[in-house]
N, C-alpha and C. Protein backbone atom coordinates (compact mmCIF):
# COMPACT_ATOMS: atom_id res chain seq x y z
N MET A 1 0.84 -1.17 0.23
CA MET A 1 0.06 -0.23 -0.27
C MET A 1 0.95 1.51 0.18
N ASN A 2 0.40 2.47 -0.89
CA ASN A 2 1.25 3.60 -0.77
C ASN A 2 0.61 4.51 0.15
N ALA A 3 1.29 5.00 1.00
CA ALA A 3 0.73 5.79 2.05
C ALA A 3 0.39 7.29 1.70
N LYS A 4 1.10 7.32 0.62
CA LYS A 4 0.94 8.68 0.23
C LYS A 4 -0.42 9.04 -0.76
N ASN A 5 -1.06 7.78 -1.32
CA ASN A 5 -2.01 8.15 -2.20
C ASN A 5 -2.89 6.98 -1.83
N GLY A 6 -3.04 5.86 -0.88
CA GLY A 6 -3.86 4.81 -0.51
C GLY A 6 -4.20 4.00 -1.85
N SER A 7 -3.38 3.90 -2.80
CA SER A 7 -3.41 2.74 -3.69
C SER A 7 -2.25 2.18 -3.33
N SER A 8 -2.69 0.55 -3.99
CA SER A 8 -1.46 -0.48 -3.78
C SER A 8 -0.97 -0.99 -4.83
N ALA A 9 0.13 -1.25 -5.56
CA ALA A 9 0.54 -1.57 -6.72
C ALA A 9 1.09 -3.25 -6.77
N ILE A 10 1.39 -3.63 -7.58
CA ILE A 10 2.19 -5.11 -7.69
C ILE A 10 2.98 -5.09 -9.09
N ASP A 11 3.83 -5.50 -9.15
CA ASP A 11 4.32 -5.91 -10.67
C ASP A 11 3.74 -6.91 -11.65
N VAL A 12 4.42 -7.06 -12.53
CA VAL A 12 3.43 -7.30 -13.71
C VAL A 12 3.68 -9.36 -13.46
N PRO A 13 5.04 -9.92 -13.05
CA PRO A 13 4.68 -11.10 -12.94
C PRO A 13 3.86 -11.74 -11.82
N THR A 14 3.75 -10.79 -10.95
CA THR A 14 2.83 -10.86 -9.36
C THR A 14 1.03 -10.58 -10.18
N ALA A 15 0.91 -9.75 -10.99
CA ALA A 15 -0.03 -9.80 -11.65
C ALA A 15 -0.67 -10.83 -12.61
N ARG A 16 0.03 -11.72 -13.47
CA ARG A 16 0.35 -12.70 -14.15
C ARG A 16 -0.31 -14.18 -13.70
N ALA A 17 0.72 -13.94 -12.55
CA ALA A 17 0.25 -15.06 -11.09
C ALA A 17 -1.48 -14.96 -10.96
N LEU A 18 -1.56 -13.82 -10.39
CA LEU A 18 -2.90 -13.59 -9.86
C LEU A 18 -3.75 -14.16 -11.06
N MET A 19 -3.94 -13.38 -12.16
CA MET A 19 -4.62 -13.74 -13.19
C MET A 19 -4.89 -15.27 -13.70
N ALA A 20 -3.76 -15.56 -13.45
CA ALA A 20 -3.65 -17.23 -14.14
C ALA A 20 -4.74 -18.46 -13.00
N ASN A 21 -4.35 -17.77 -11.36
CA ASN A 21 -5.64 -18.32 -10.90
C ASN A 21 -6.53 -18.05 -10.06
N ASN A 22 -6.99 -17.12 -10.88
CA ASN A 22 -8.30 -16.20 -10.30
C ASN A 22 -9.11 -15.56 -11.51
N PRO A 23 -9.92 -16.54 -12.10
CA PRO A 23 -10.84 -16.06 -13.09
C PRO A 23 -11.61 -14.65 -12.81
N ASP A 24 -11.95 -14.34 -11.72
CA ASP A 24 -12.63 -13.40 -11.11
C ASP A 24 -11.76 -11.90 -11.03
N ILE A 25 -10.57 -11.93 -11.49
CA ILE A 25 -9.70 -10.59 -11.40
C ILE A 25 -9.95 -10.23 -12.98
N LEU A 26 -9.92 -8.84 -13.05
CA LEU A 26 -10.12 -8.29 -14.25
C LEU A 26 -8.94 -6.66 -14.25
N VAL A 27 -8.59 -7.09 -15.55
CA VAL A 27 -7.86 -5.96 -15.85
C VAL A 27 -8.74 -4.77 -16.37
N VAL A 28 -8.60 -3.90 -15.43
CA VAL A 28 -9.15 -2.45 -15.91
C VAL A 28 -8.19 -1.82 -16.76
N ASP A 29 -8.15 -1.32 -17.67
CA ASP A 29 -7.38 -0.22 -18.48
C ASP A 29 -7.68 0.88 -18.79
N VAL A 30 -7.21 2.06 -17.95
CA VAL A 30 -7.42 3.44 -17.78
C VAL A 30 -6.97 4.37 -18.78
N ARG A 31 -6.33 3.76 -20.12
CA ARG A 31 -5.71 4.90 -21.08
C ARG A 31 -6.86 5.13 -21.99
N THR A 32 -6.66 6.17 -22.89
CA THR A 32 -7.89 6.24 -23.87
C THR A 32 -8.13 5.14 -24.94
N ALA A 33 -9.40 5.47 -25.16
CA ALA A 33 -9.85 4.14 -26.39
C ALA A 33 -8.67 3.97 -27.46
N GLY A 34 -7.78 5.29 -27.80
CA GLY A 34 -7.46 5.04 -28.79
C GLY A 34 -6.20 3.89 -28.48
N GLU A 35 -5.42 4.46 -27.49
CA GLU A 35 -4.23 3.61 -26.73
C GLU A 35 -4.77 2.18 -26.63
N PHE A 36 -5.68 2.00 -26.27
CA PHE A 36 -6.04 0.54 -26.40
C PHE A 36 -6.69 -0.03 -27.10
N ASP A 37 -7.16 0.32 -28.07
CA ASP A 37 -7.21 -0.11 -29.63
C ASP A 37 -5.94 -0.33 -30.16
N SER A 38 -5.02 0.25 -29.67
CA SER A 38 -3.57 -0.06 -30.22
C SER A 38 -2.63 -1.55 -29.39
N ALA A 39 -2.57 -1.41 -28.28
CA ALA A 39 -2.59 -2.98 -27.36
C ALA A 39 -2.94 -2.84 -26.03
N HIS A 40 -3.62 -3.73 -25.73
CA HIS A 40 -4.23 -4.41 -24.71
C HIS A 40 -4.00 -5.53 -24.20
N VAL A 41 -4.12 -5.81 -22.78
CA VAL A 41 -4.11 -7.31 -22.01
C VAL A 41 -5.13 -7.87 -22.73
N PRO A 42 -5.22 -8.98 -23.05
CA PRO A 42 -6.30 -10.08 -23.48
C PRO A 42 -7.35 -10.20 -22.39
N GLY A 43 -8.69 -9.60 -22.80
CA GLY A 43 -10.00 -9.90 -21.74
C GLY A 43 -9.85 -8.53 -21.13
N SER A 44 -9.11 -7.35 -20.63
CA SER A 44 -9.32 -6.65 -20.04
C SER A 44 -10.55 -5.62 -20.86
N ILE A 45 -10.66 -4.86 -19.67
CA ILE A 45 -11.63 -3.57 -20.23
C ILE A 45 -10.91 -2.19 -20.40
N ASN A 46 -11.62 -1.32 -21.19
CA ASN A 46 -11.17 -0.17 -21.43
C ASN A 46 -12.38 0.69 -20.54
N LEU A 47 -11.55 1.78 -19.67
CA LEU A 47 -12.88 2.47 -18.83
C LEU A 47 -11.71 3.83 -18.64
N PRO A 48 -11.37 4.55 -19.49
CA PRO A 48 -10.64 5.74 -19.73
C PRO A 48 -10.65 6.45 -18.45
N LEU A 49 -9.42 7.04 -17.80
CA LEU A 49 -9.49 7.75 -16.74
C LEU A 49 -10.55 8.88 -16.58
N ASP A 50 -10.84 9.55 -17.69
CA ASP A 50 -11.51 10.87 -17.75
C ASP A 50 -12.76 10.14 -17.47
N GLN A 51 -13.40 9.21 -17.73
CA GLN A 51 -14.63 8.68 -17.44
C GLN A 51 -14.82 8.39 -16.02
N VAL A 52 -14.08 7.91 -15.31
CA VAL A 52 -13.81 7.08 -13.86
C VAL A 52 -14.91 8.40 -12.83
N ASP A 53 -14.37 9.36 -12.52
CA ASP A 53 -15.19 10.24 -11.85
C ASP A 53 -16.94 10.57 -11.97
N GLN A 54 -17.16 10.43 -13.55
CA GLN A 54 -18.47 10.36 -13.90
C GLN A 54 -19.25 9.22 -13.84
N HIS A 55 -18.54 7.87 -13.61
CA HIS A 55 -19.21 6.79 -13.35
C HIS A 55 -18.73 5.92 -11.68
N LEU A 56 -17.93 7.01 -10.90
CA LEU A 56 -17.26 6.18 -9.65
C LEU A 56 -17.91 5.75 -8.99
N GLY A 57 -19.31 6.08 -8.61
CA GLY A 57 -20.54 5.36 -7.69
C GLY A 57 -20.81 4.16 -8.46
N ARG A 58 -21.15 3.87 -9.76
CA ARG A 58 -21.41 2.97 -10.38
C ARG A 58 -20.42 1.57 -10.16
N ILE A 59 -19.26 2.26 -10.66
CA ILE A 59 -17.69 1.41 -10.51
C ILE A 59 -17.83 0.82 -9.00
N VAL A 60 -17.74 1.59 -8.04
CA VAL A 60 -17.51 1.24 -6.45
C VAL A 60 -18.69 0.12 -6.34
N ASN A 61 -20.15 0.82 -6.89
CA ASN A 61 -20.82 -0.58 -6.46
C ASN A 61 -21.10 -1.87 -7.38
N ASP A 62 -20.41 -1.86 -8.64
CA ASP A 62 -20.75 -2.79 -9.64
C ASP A 62 -19.39 -4.09 -9.40
N ALA A 63 -18.17 -3.42 -8.71
CA ALA A 63 -16.96 -4.35 -8.65
C ALA A 63 -17.30 -5.30 -7.70
N GLY A 64 -17.16 -6.73 -8.36
CA GLY A 64 -17.42 -7.81 -7.82
C GLY A 64 -16.45 -8.44 -7.65
N GLY A 65 -15.18 -8.06 -7.80
CA GLY A 65 -14.29 -8.93 -7.55
C GLY A 65 -13.11 -7.80 -7.84
N ARG A 66 -11.82 -8.79 -7.45
CA ARG A 66 -10.49 -7.61 -7.31
C ARG A 66 -10.05 -6.86 -8.83
N LEU A 67 -9.84 -5.71 -8.91
CA LEU A 67 -9.83 -5.16 -10.05
C LEU A 67 -8.14 -4.93 -10.41
N LEU A 68 -7.75 -5.05 -11.38
CA LEU A 68 -5.87 -4.53 -11.67
C LEU A 68 -6.00 -3.61 -12.45
N LEU A 69 -5.90 -2.24 -11.99
CA LEU A 69 -5.70 -1.07 -12.86
C LEU A 69 -4.35 -1.10 -13.62
N MET A 70 -4.44 -0.64 -14.92
CA MET A 70 -3.51 -0.50 -15.76
C MET A 70 -3.61 0.50 -16.85
N CYS A 71 -2.41 1.24 -17.08
CA CYS A 71 -2.46 2.69 -17.91
C CYS A 71 -1.23 2.42 -18.81
N GLN A 72 -0.34 3.34 -19.55
CA GLN A 72 0.62 3.15 -19.90
C GLN A 72 1.92 3.10 -19.11
N SER A 73 2.31 4.02 -18.29
CA SER A 73 3.47 3.87 -17.39
C SER A 73 3.05 3.52 -15.82
N GLY A 74 1.86 4.00 -15.47
CA GLY A 74 1.46 3.67 -14.15
C GLY A 74 0.52 4.84 -13.22
N ASN A 75 0.90 6.04 -13.85
CA ASN A 75 0.57 7.01 -13.54
C ASN A 75 -0.96 7.28 -13.61
N ARG A 76 -1.65 7.19 -14.36
CA ARG A 76 -3.11 7.38 -14.66
C ARG A 76 -3.52 6.25 -13.83
N ALA A 77 -3.31 4.61 -13.90
CA ALA A 77 -4.12 3.74 -12.97
C ALA A 77 -3.71 4.42 -11.62
N THR A 78 -2.54 4.97 -11.09
CA THR A 78 -2.70 5.36 -9.85
C THR A 78 -3.53 6.60 -9.37
N GLN A 79 -3.72 7.27 -10.36
CA GLN A 79 -4.65 8.28 -10.29
C GLN A 79 -6.09 7.48 -9.88
N ALA A 80 -6.51 6.53 -10.98
CA ALA A 80 -7.77 5.98 -10.83
C ALA A 80 -8.05 5.21 -9.64
N CYS A 81 -7.06 4.10 -9.14
CA CYS A 81 -6.84 3.85 -7.47
C CYS A 81 -7.27 4.40 -6.29
N THR A 82 -6.58 5.58 -6.61
CA THR A 82 -6.92 6.48 -5.72
C THR A 82 -8.07 7.02 -5.33
N LYS A 83 -8.61 7.04 -6.62
CA LYS A 83 -9.98 7.85 -6.48
C LYS A 83 -11.18 6.39 -6.10
N LEU A 84 -10.93 5.44 -6.58
CA LEU A 84 -11.42 4.24 -6.47
C LEU A 84 -11.70 4.11 -4.68
N VAL A 85 -9.90 3.95 -4.49
CA VAL A 85 -10.10 3.67 -2.72
C VAL A 85 -10.68 4.80 -1.92
N ASN A 86 -10.34 6.03 -2.34
CA ASN A 86 -11.14 7.17 -1.37
C ASN A 86 -12.67 6.71 -1.37
N ALA A 87 -13.25 6.34 -2.76
CA ALA A 87 -14.87 6.18 -3.05
C ALA A 87 -15.35 5.03 -2.21
N GLY A 88 -14.26 4.29 -1.27
CA GLY A 88 -14.78 3.00 -0.57
C GLY A 88 -14.16 1.72 -1.40
N LEU A 89 -13.67 1.74 -2.61
CA LEU A 89 -13.20 0.56 -2.86
C LEU A 89 -12.00 -0.48 -2.79
N SER A 90 -11.98 -1.25 -2.07
CA SER A 90 -10.95 -2.04 -1.53
C SER A 90 -10.23 -2.32 -2.30
N SER A 91 -10.96 -3.27 -3.35
CA SER A 91 -10.18 -4.34 -4.42
C SER A 91 -9.54 -3.96 -5.64
N ALA A 92 -9.27 -2.76 -5.26
CA ALA A 92 -8.16 -2.01 -6.61
C ALA A 92 -6.92 -1.90 -6.29
N THR A 93 -5.97 -2.81 -7.73
CA THR A 93 -4.65 -2.70 -7.38
C THR A 93 -3.78 -2.18 -8.68
N VAL A 94 -2.51 -1.32 -8.83
CA VAL A 94 -2.32 -0.84 -9.99
C VAL A 94 -0.94 -1.69 -10.47
N ILE A 95 -0.98 -1.87 -11.71
CA ILE A 95 -0.02 -2.78 -12.06
C ILE A 95 1.10 -1.75 -12.57
N SER A 96 2.19 -1.97 -11.62
CA SER A 96 3.51 -0.97 -11.60
C SER A 96 3.85 -1.34 -12.88
N GLY A 97 4.10 -0.06 -13.60
CA GLY A 97 4.76 0.26 -15.01
C GLY A 97 4.03 0.13 -15.88
N GLY A 98 2.71 -0.49 -15.98
CA GLY A 98 1.76 -0.66 -16.93
C GLY A 98 1.91 -0.97 -18.19
N MET A 99 1.06 -0.70 -19.33
CA MET A 99 1.45 -1.67 -20.48
C MET A 99 3.08 -1.80 -20.98
N ASN A 100 3.71 -0.22 -20.52
CA ASN A 100 5.37 -0.50 -20.73
C ASN A 100 5.88 -1.47 -19.83
N ALA A 101 5.67 -1.87 -18.90
CA ALA A 101 6.07 -3.20 -18.08
C ALA A 101 5.79 -4.28 -18.56
N TRP A 102 4.48 -4.42 -18.95
CA TRP A 102 3.91 -5.55 -19.06
C TRP A 102 4.65 -6.17 -20.87
N ILE A 103 4.64 -5.45 -21.93
CA ILE A 103 5.16 -5.47 -22.80
C ILE A 103 6.73 -5.91 -22.49
N SER A 104 7.42 -5.48 -21.74
CA SER A 104 8.31 -5.49 -21.29
C SER A 104 8.71 -6.97 -20.91
N ALA A 105 8.12 -7.49 -20.06
CA ALA A 105 8.00 -8.55 -19.36
C ALA A 105 7.23 -9.97 -20.06
N GLY A 106 7.38 -9.67 -21.25
CA GLY A 106 6.43 -10.45 -22.27
C GLY A 106 5.05 -11.07 -22.19
N GLY A 107 4.29 -10.23 -21.48
CA GLY A 107 3.12 -10.45 -20.95
C GLY A 107 1.97 -10.62 -22.66
N PRO A 108 0.91 -11.20 -22.80
CA PRO A 108 0.35 -11.38 -23.70
C PRO A 108 -0.63 -9.98 -24.29
N VAL A 109 -0.41 -9.75 -25.63
CA VAL A 109 -1.14 -8.45 -25.76
C VAL A 109 -1.69 -8.47 -26.81
N GLU A 110 -2.99 -8.25 -27.40
CA GLU A 110 -4.08 -8.25 -28.36
C GLU A 110 -3.61 -6.50 -28.89
N ARG A 111 -3.42 -6.70 -30.51
CA ARG A 111 -2.71 -5.52 -31.04
C ARG A 111 -3.76 -5.22 -32.11
N GLY A 112 -4.12 -3.91 -32.07
CA GLY A 112 -4.90 -3.16 -33.13
C GLY A 112 -3.73 -2.04 -34.22
N VAL A 113 -4.55 -1.21 -34.46
CA VAL A 113 -4.15 -0.41 -35.19
C VAL A 113 -3.20 0.66 -34.05
N GLU A 114 -1.91 0.74 -34.72
CA GLU A 114 -0.85 1.28 -34.06
C GLU A 114 -1.24 2.91 -33.63
N ARG A 115 -1.35 3.55 -32.24
CA ARG A 115 -1.15 4.89 -32.12
C ARG A 115 -0.49 5.50 -31.17
N TRP A 116 -0.25 6.65 -30.99
CA TRP A 116 0.56 7.05 -30.13
C TRP A 116 0.10 7.27 -28.77
N SER A 117 0.72 6.81 -27.65
CA SER A 117 0.32 6.94 -26.32
C SER A 117 0.33 8.76 -25.87
N LEU A 118 -0.81 8.96 -24.91
CA LEU A 118 -0.89 10.01 -24.45
C LEU A 118 0.42 10.82 -23.72
N GLU A 119 1.29 9.84 -23.29
CA GLU A 119 2.46 10.52 -22.97
C GLU A 119 3.32 10.95 -24.05
N ARG A 120 3.59 10.23 -25.11
CA ARG A 120 3.91 10.65 -26.38
C ARG A 120 3.37 11.82 -27.23
N GLN A 121 2.31 11.92 -27.21
CA GLN A 121 1.07 13.09 -27.80
C GLN A 121 1.75 14.52 -26.77
N VAL A 122 1.77 14.08 -25.68
CA VAL A 122 1.90 15.29 -24.65
C VAL A 122 3.21 16.12 -24.81
N ARG A 123 4.34 15.07 -25.43
CA ARG A 123 5.66 15.35 -25.42
C ARG A 123 5.75 16.18 -26.96
N LEU A 124 4.98 15.69 -27.71
CA LEU A 124 4.92 15.91 -29.23
C LEU A 124 4.27 17.59 -29.38
N VAL A 125 2.91 17.79 -28.47
CA VAL A 125 2.60 19.13 -28.34
C VAL A 125 3.21 20.04 -27.72
N ALA A 126 4.01 19.77 -26.42
CA ALA A 126 4.32 20.66 -25.69
C ALA A 126 5.86 21.19 -26.25
N GLY A 127 6.63 19.78 -26.84
CA GLY A 127 7.59 20.61 -27.47
C GLY A 127 7.79 21.47 -28.73
N SER A 128 6.43 20.91 -29.59
CA SER A 128 6.12 21.75 -30.62
C SER A 128 5.82 23.50 -30.08
N ILE A 129 5.47 23.53 -29.17
CA ILE A 129 4.54 24.87 -28.63
C ILE A 129 6.09 25.40 -28.19
N VAL A 130 7.04 25.04 -27.37
CA VAL A 130 8.01 25.54 -27.13
C VAL A 130 8.81 26.22 -28.13
N LEU A 131 8.88 25.30 -29.34
CA LEU A 131 9.83 25.30 -30.03
C LEU A 131 9.58 26.54 -31.37
N LEU A 132 8.31 26.54 -31.34
CA LEU A 132 7.47 27.37 -32.16
C LEU A 132 7.51 28.90 -31.56
N SER A 133 7.35 29.02 -30.13
CA SER A 133 7.50 30.28 -29.64
C SER A 133 8.88 30.87 -29.55
N VAL A 134 9.55 30.14 -29.36
CA VAL A 134 11.12 30.45 -29.01
C VAL A 134 11.67 30.93 -30.45
N VAL A 135 11.16 30.35 -31.81
CA VAL A 135 11.58 31.17 -32.58
C VAL A 135 10.59 32.01 -33.38
N ALA A 136 9.48 32.10 -32.89
CA ALA A 136 8.55 33.59 -33.04
C ALA A 136 9.00 34.43 -32.29
N SER A 137 9.74 34.05 -31.16
CA SER A 137 10.10 35.59 -30.54
C SER A 137 11.17 36.10 -31.04
N ILE A 138 12.11 35.34 -32.14
CA ILE A 138 12.81 36.18 -32.82
C ILE A 138 12.21 37.55 -33.33
N TRP A 139 11.27 37.26 -33.85
CA TRP A 139 10.27 38.64 -34.53
C TRP A 139 9.27 39.45 -33.66
N PHE A 140 8.60 38.59 -32.91
CA PHE A 140 7.75 38.79 -31.95
C PHE A 140 8.32 38.60 -30.19
N PRO A 141 9.22 39.34 -29.77
CA PRO A 141 9.54 38.60 -28.53
C PRO A 141 8.91 38.37 -27.17
N PRO A 142 7.42 39.03 -27.31
CA PRO A 142 6.36 38.43 -25.89
C PRO A 142 6.24 37.13 -26.28
N ALA A 143 6.50 36.38 -27.45
CA ALA A 143 5.80 35.14 -27.38
C ALA A 143 6.90 34.24 -26.64
N ARG A 144 8.21 34.71 -26.12
CA ARG A 144 8.67 33.75 -25.40
C ARG A 144 8.18 33.51 -24.32
N PHE A 145 7.42 34.52 -24.01
CA PHE A 145 5.98 33.96 -22.61
C PHE A 145 5.20 32.40 -22.69
N VAL A 146 5.10 32.24 -23.97
CA VAL A 146 4.04 31.41 -24.27
C VAL A 146 5.36 29.98 -24.05
N ALA A 147 6.36 30.01 -24.30
CA ALA A 147 7.17 28.96 -24.14
C ALA A 147 7.31 28.69 -22.51
N GLY A 148 7.24 29.75 -21.45
CA GLY A 148 7.42 30.29 -20.37
C GLY A 148 6.32 29.02 -19.86
N PHE A 149 5.12 29.51 -20.25
CA PHE A 149 3.78 29.30 -19.48
C PHE A 149 3.49 27.55 -20.04
N ILE A 150 4.30 27.67 -21.02
CA ILE A 150 4.31 25.67 -21.30
C ILE A 150 5.03 24.75 -20.03
N GLY A 151 6.37 25.71 -19.92
CA GLY A 151 7.05 25.03 -19.10
C GLY A 151 6.80 25.18 -17.62
N ALA A 152 6.12 26.12 -16.95
CA ALA A 152 5.27 26.34 -15.76
C ALA A 152 4.35 25.01 -15.63
N GLY A 153 3.55 24.80 -16.96
CA GLY A 153 2.55 23.83 -16.85
C GLY A 153 3.37 22.46 -16.59
N LEU A 154 4.15 22.40 -17.33
CA LEU A 154 4.94 20.88 -17.47
C LEU A 154 5.31 20.85 -15.79
N THR A 155 6.06 21.73 -15.27
CA THR A 155 6.38 21.84 -13.81
C THR A 155 5.21 21.49 -12.87
N TYR A 156 4.20 22.06 -13.28
CA TYR A 156 3.00 21.73 -12.33
C TYR A 156 2.39 20.50 -12.58
N ALA A 157 2.69 19.74 -13.54
CA ALA A 157 2.48 18.35 -13.74
C ALA A 157 2.92 17.48 -13.47
N ALA A 158 4.06 17.68 -13.16
CA ALA A 158 5.12 16.86 -12.35
C ALA A 158 4.87 16.66 -11.08
N LEU A 159 4.86 18.08 -10.55
CA LEU A 159 4.58 17.97 -8.86
C LEU A 159 3.27 17.69 -8.44
N SER A 160 2.26 17.93 -9.59
CA SER A 160 0.80 17.43 -8.95
C SER A 160 0.54 15.87 -9.62
N ASN A 161 1.22 15.82 -10.20
CA ASN A 161 1.19 14.29 -10.75
C ASN A 161 -0.05 14.41 -11.80
N THR A 162 -0.11 14.97 -12.33
CA THR A 162 -1.54 15.42 -13.09
C THR A 162 -1.32 15.89 -14.60
N CYS A 163 -2.01 15.74 -15.61
CA CYS A 163 -1.42 16.70 -16.93
C CYS A 163 -2.77 17.31 -17.31
N ALA A 164 -3.06 18.58 -17.43
CA ALA A 164 -4.30 19.05 -18.07
C ALA A 164 -3.86 18.63 -19.62
N MET A 165 -3.19 19.32 -20.15
CA MET A 165 -2.39 19.26 -21.53
C MET A 165 -3.17 17.51 -22.24
N GLY A 166 -2.54 16.56 -21.27
CA GLY A 166 -3.18 15.11 -21.70
C GLY A 166 -4.58 14.62 -20.97
N MET A 167 -5.03 15.65 -20.50
CA MET A 167 -6.43 15.59 -20.46
C MET A 167 -7.36 16.02 -21.56
N LEU A 168 -6.79 17.22 -22.07
CA LEU A 168 -7.52 17.64 -23.33
C LEU A 168 -7.13 16.73 -24.76
N LEU A 169 -5.87 16.34 -24.70
CA LEU A 169 -5.63 15.66 -25.64
C LEU A 169 -6.35 14.12 -25.64
N SER A 170 -6.96 13.46 -24.59
CA SER A 170 -7.36 12.29 -24.47
C SER A 170 -9.01 12.84 -25.05
N ARG A 171 -9.30 14.08 -25.39
CA ARG A 171 -10.56 13.95 -25.75
C ARG A 171 -10.95 14.48 -27.21
N LEU A 172 -9.72 14.01 -27.57
CA LEU A 172 -9.37 14.50 -29.29
C LEU A 172 -9.80 13.35 -29.94
N PRO A 173 -10.92 13.08 -31.19
CA PRO A 173 -11.34 11.84 -31.98
C PRO A 173 -10.01 11.28 -32.01
N TYR A 174 -9.02 11.20 -32.30
CA TYR A 174 -7.95 10.43 -32.42
C TYR A 174 -7.87 9.67 -31.65
N ASN A 175 -7.89 9.82 -29.97
CA ASN A 175 -8.06 9.37 -29.22
C ASN A 175 -9.14 8.38 -28.12
N ARG A 176 -10.29 8.73 -29.31
CA ARG A 176 -11.39 7.99 -28.60
C ARG A 176 -11.69 6.53 -29.04
N GLY A 177 -11.03 6.41 -30.12
CA GLY A 177 -11.01 5.18 -30.66
C GLY A 177 -12.69 4.39 -30.85
N ALA A 178 -12.59 3.19 -31.14
CA ALA A 178 -14.31 3.02 -31.25
C ALA A 178 -14.57 1.63 -30.23
N THR A 179 -13.79 1.42 -29.18
CA THR A 179 -13.98 0.11 -28.55
C THR A 179 -14.71 0.60 -27.00
N CYS A 180 -14.70 2.03 -26.61
CA CYS A 180 -15.07 2.44 -25.50
C CYS A 180 -16.48 2.24 -24.95
N ASP A 181 -16.85 1.33 -24.73
CA ASP A 181 -18.35 1.57 -24.02
C ASP A 181 -18.35 1.34 -23.06
N VAL A 182 -18.57 2.48 -22.19
CA VAL A 182 -18.51 2.64 -20.73
C VAL A 182 -19.72 1.57 -20.12
N ASP A 183 -20.68 1.77 -20.60
CA ASP A 183 -21.83 0.89 -19.96
C ASP A 183 -21.48 -0.67 -19.84
N LEU A 184 -20.64 -1.22 -21.27
CA LEU A 184 -20.53 -2.35 -21.27
C LEU A 184 -19.46 -2.56 -20.22
N ALA A 185 -18.86 -1.97 -20.28
CA ALA A 185 -17.16 -2.27 -19.60
C ALA A 185 -17.77 -2.11 -17.93
N ILE A 186 -18.39 -1.15 -17.73
CA ILE A 186 -19.41 -1.42 -16.10
C ILE A 186 -19.89 -2.85 -15.65
N GLY A 187 -20.78 -3.04 -16.73
CA GLY A 187 -21.42 -4.09 -16.88
C GLY A 187 -20.45 -5.69 -16.53
N ARG A 188 -19.62 -5.59 -17.15
CA ARG A 188 -18.76 -6.56 -16.81
C ARG A 188 -17.77 -6.35 -15.72
N LEU A 189 -17.93 -5.79 -14.71
CA LEU A 189 -17.46 -5.29 -13.49
C LEU A 189 -18.16 -6.34 -12.49
N ARG A 190 -19.21 -6.43 -12.71
CA ARG A 190 -20.14 -7.16 -11.59
C ARG A 190 -20.17 -8.82 -12.35
N THR A 191 -19.61 -9.18 -13.38
CA THR A 191 -19.99 -10.30 -13.88
C THR A 191 -19.27 -11.29 -13.38
N PRO A 192 -19.50 -12.58 -12.84
CA PRO A 192 -18.50 -13.56 -12.43
C PRO A 192 -17.91 -14.18 -13.79
N GLY A 193 -16.60 -14.38 -13.29
CA GLY A 193 -15.39 -15.12 -14.41
C GLY A 193 -15.68 -14.13 -15.52
N ARG A 194 -15.31 -13.13 -15.26
CA ARG A 194 -15.29 -11.60 -15.95
C ARG A 194 -14.28 -11.71 -17.26
N ARG A 195 -13.46 -12.32 -17.14
CA ARG A 195 -12.58 -12.22 -18.70
C ARG A 195 -12.94 -13.26 -19.31
N ALA A 196 -12.99 -12.40 -20.59
CA ALA A 196 -13.50 -13.16 -21.97
C ALA A 196 -12.28 -13.99 -22.85
């Protein structure tokens, strides 16, 4: 248990062993639907982080077994776990390192159309804005303040472990994908033998 945020975490080998020995364990992937479509753990469900707050009560009420939360690197899954634990769900655990660790450890993956992860998209957008504002400041000096604003935003994102730019990018059609049906995902939370 992480005393700082109330969430617990396990490594990939432990998660795989739990999944092999208990069919009621469900992997809940909190990445965007686009990221989920690219690659996900077989039998997992997609419940994007931006949907967790909206459906928090239903998730806590319907969770019928242990949930293993996953994202790309572990940050979004930790945020989701903290929200669920604070709302009264005691059976949520984060898979440390997320899909990055899962793939590195040789875990099984269902692949679809490759899309950039949300973290990579944030790096591209933030870096592009900084670069363009620095170049523009050659002709229009106040443009340098845009680069400073992005730097301040990235600093705040690191300190608070949240990312406003990531939350905005997650709402783009590119990141929505076709597979995220929140009602279906929540319905699978309460179904015994939930893995497909």
